[in-house]
Amino acid sequence: MSVVAVAVLAAVAPASSSARIKQRFFHTLDGNISCAMLQDKKAHRKHHRKIPGFPGEARCDIQSHIWMAPPKPKWCPVDWGFGVEVTRKKGGRYVCAGDSVLNMSAPALGPGATVSVGHYTCAIPSPAGTSVLCTNRRTTHGFEISADAVSLF
């Protein structure tokens, strides 16, 4: 399943969906950064047929920033560089998606707040509460995003 499809499904699937996918949405107090977190769901067998798993991720989109994303890669057919993500198998990277996780109806988190879903942890580390740091605890890969800078690791 592509990252675009994962993000779209995450944006519309209710928290109590039949797929039992754990998810969490939040934004910074200033509303500039919104994030979505999805837990990895393992593949399983049902009636001798393999049901694919659902890849987890932590993704944050930003409305206003002064940094510039690298040039859009040829493999990205939709919008590029308006946010960052970390997935099960990939380190922090810029988002290629035709949707957004901006969601002002999600809870607002302030400085020092931490959220964990599955293998992913996101925190608001800056005293001003204007950046988000997300990590895949299994791989130690992730990102930090603010209006001033992006760090991918």
Protein backbone atom coordinates (compact mmCIF):
# COMPACT_ATOMS: atom_id res chain seq x y z
CA MET A 1 0.00 0.00 0.00
CA SER A 2 1.42 3.40 -0.89
CA VAL A 3 2.06 6.16 1.60
CA VAL A 4 -0.62 8.22 -0.13
CA ALA A 5 -3.22 5.50 0.41
CA VAL A 6 -2.13 5.04 4.02
CA ALA A 7 -2.46 8.73 4.73
CA VAL A 8 -5.85 9.01 3.04
CA LEU A 9 -7.18 6.01 4.95
CA ALA A 10 -5.79 7.41 8.19
CA ALA A 11 -7.53 10.70 7.63
CA VAL A 12 -10.95 9.13 7.15
CA ALA A 13 -10.90 5.96 9.28
CA PRO A 14 -12.62 6.42 12.64
CA ALA A 15 -10.67 5.50 15.77
CA SER A 16 -12.96 2.52 16.38
CA SER A 17 -12.82 1.17 12.84
CA SER A 18 -13.34 -2.54 12.26
CA ALA A 19 -9.71 -2.84 11.21
CA ARG A 20 -8.78 -1.93 14.81
CA ILE A 21 -6.03 0.38 13.62
CA LYS A 22 -4.77 2.50 16.49
CA GLN A 23 -4.38 6.10 15.45
CA ARG A 24 -3.85 9.48 17.03
CA PHE A 25 -4.12 13.00 15.63
CA PHE A 26 -2.87 16.20 17.28
CA HIS A 27 -1.55 19.67 16.49
CA THR A 28 0.72 22.23 18.12
CA LEU A 29 -0.88 24.97 20.22
CA ASP A 30 -0.26 27.56 17.50
CA GLY A 31 -2.00 25.28 14.96
CA ASN A 32 0.93 25.44 12.53
CA ILE A 33 1.86 21.73 12.70
CA SER A 34 -0.65 18.87 12.60
CA CYS A 35 0.31 15.22 12.99
CA ALA A 36 -1.17 11.76 12.52
CA MET A 37 0.19 8.57 14.03
CA LEU A 38 -0.81 5.05 12.98
CA GLN A 39 0.18 1.79 14.62
CA ASP A 40 1.65 -1.00 12.48
CA LYS A 41 -0.90 -3.78 11.97
CA LYS A 42 0.51 -7.22 11.29
CA ALA A 43 -0.59 -9.30 8.33
CA HIS A 44 -2.64 -12.37 9.22
CA ARG A 45 -4.23 -15.40 7.61
CA LYS A 46 -7.96 -15.85 7.29
CA HIS A 47 -9.47 -18.89 5.57
CA HIS A 48 -6.12 -19.86 3.96
CA ARG A 49 -5.72 -16.41 2.46
CA LYS A 50 -3.18 -13.84 3.60
CA ILE A 51 -4.65 -10.49 4.60
CA PRO A 52 -2.06 -7.74 4.11
CA GLY A 53 -0.82 -5.75 7.07
CA PHE A 54 -1.20 -2.02 7.45
CA PRO A 55 2.04 -0.07 7.66
CA GLY A 56 2.25 2.38 10.53
CA GLU A 57 3.70 5.85 10.40
CA ALA A 58 4.08 9.17 12.12
CA ARG A 59 3.48 12.12 9.82
CA CYS A 60 3.35 15.86 10.40
CA ASP A 61 2.22 18.52 7.93
CA ILE A 62 3.00 22.21 8.36
CA GLN A 63 1.10 25.27 7.16
CA SER A 64 3.72 28.03 7.37
CA HIS A 65 7.52 27.66 7.24
CA ILE A 66 10.70 29.33 5.97
CA TRP A 67 12.65 26.19 4.97
CA MET A 68 12.59 24.74 1.48
CA ALA A 69 12.10 21.06 0.68
CA PRO A 70 14.51 19.53 -1.83
CA PRO A 71 13.35 19.38 -5.45
CA LYS A 72 10.35 17.14 -6.07
CA PRO A 73 11.51 13.66 -7.13
CA LYS A 74 10.24 12.14 -10.37
CA TRP A 75 8.60 9.24 -8.49
CA CYS A 76 6.22 11.65 -6.67
CA PRO A 77 3.04 12.20 -8.76
CA VAL A 78 1.27 14.51 -6.25
CA ASP A 79 2.14 17.29 -3.77
CA TRP A 80 5.64 17.28 -2.31
CA GLY A 81 7.48 18.59 0.71
CA PHE A 82 4.73 20.15 2.84
CA GLY A 83 5.43 17.77 5.71
CA VAL A 84 7.59 14.89 6.91
CA GLU A 85 7.06 11.28 7.96
CA VAL A 86 8.74 8.22 9.39
CA THR A 87 7.47 4.72 8.60
CA ARG A 88 8.14 1.13 9.58
CA LYS A 89 10.94 0.64 7.07
CA LYS A 90 11.96 4.15 6.04
CA GLY A 91 13.76 6.86 7.96
CA GLY A 92 12.52 10.42 8.18
CA ARG A 93 11.64 11.84 4.78
CA TYR A 94 9.57 14.54 3.10
CA VAL A 95 5.93 13.72 2.36
CA CYS A 96 4.67 12.91 -1.13
CA ALA A 97 0.88 12.89 -0.82
CA GLY A 98 -2.32 14.19 -2.32
CA ASP A 99 -3.89 14.79 1.08
CA SER A 100 -3.09 16.48 4.37
CA VAL A 101 -3.23 15.56 8.05
CA LEU A 102 -3.98 19.17 9.05
CA ASN A 103 -6.84 18.77 11.53
CA MET A 104 -7.75 21.64 13.84
CA SER A 105 -10.42 19.53 15.57
CA ALA A 106 -7.71 17.21 16.93
CA PRO A 107 -6.30 17.87 20.40
CA ALA A 108 -3.73 20.67 20.75
CA LEU A 109 -0.55 19.64 22.56
CA GLY A 110 1.79 22.02 24.35
CA PRO A 111 5.47 22.02 25.31
CA GLY A 112 6.63 18.80 26.96
CA ALA A 113 3.71 16.71 25.70
CA THR A 114 4.48 13.21 24.41
CA VAL A 115 2.24 10.81 22.46
CA SER A 116 2.97 7.16 21.62
CA VAL A 117 1.16 4.85 19.21
CA GLY A 118 2.67 1.47 18.46
CA HIS A 119 6.38 1.89 17.72
CA TYR A 120 6.09 5.66 17.20
CA THR A 121 6.56 8.46 19.72
CA CYS A 122 6.04 12.15 19.00
CA ALA A 123 6.91 14.96 21.38
CA ILE A 124 6.69 18.74 21.56
CA PRO A 125 10.27 19.36 22.76
CA SER A 126 10.73 23.12 22.43
CA PRO A 127 9.76 25.42 25.31
CA ALA A 128 7.83 27.52 22.80
CA GLY A 129 5.88 24.43 21.64
CA THR A 130 6.53 25.19 17.98
CA SER A 131 8.27 21.99 16.86
CA VAL A 132 7.41 18.29 16.78
CA LEU A 133 9.91 15.44 17.11
CA CYS A 134 8.74 11.96 16.02
CA THR A 135 10.71 8.72 16.22
CA ASN A 136 10.19 5.08 15.32
CA ARG A 137 11.48 3.54 18.55
CA ARG A 138 12.36 0.26 16.81
CA THR A 139 14.61 1.80 14.16
CA THR A 140 15.48 5.09 15.95
CA HIS A 141 14.72 6.92 12.67
CA GLY A 142 12.53 9.97 12.60
CA PHE A 143 12.29 13.71 12.12
CA GLU A 144 11.92 17.07 13.81
CA ILE A 145 9.89 19.78 12.10
CA SER A 146 9.33 23.45 12.89
CA ALA A 147 8.67 26.63 10.93
CA ASP A 148 12.42 27.27 10.91
CA ALA A 149 13.90 23.88 10.01
CA VAL A 150 13.48 20.19 9.23
CA SER A 151 15.80 17.50 10.53
CA LEU A 152 15.54 13.96 9.11
CA PHE A 153 17.31 11.01 10.70
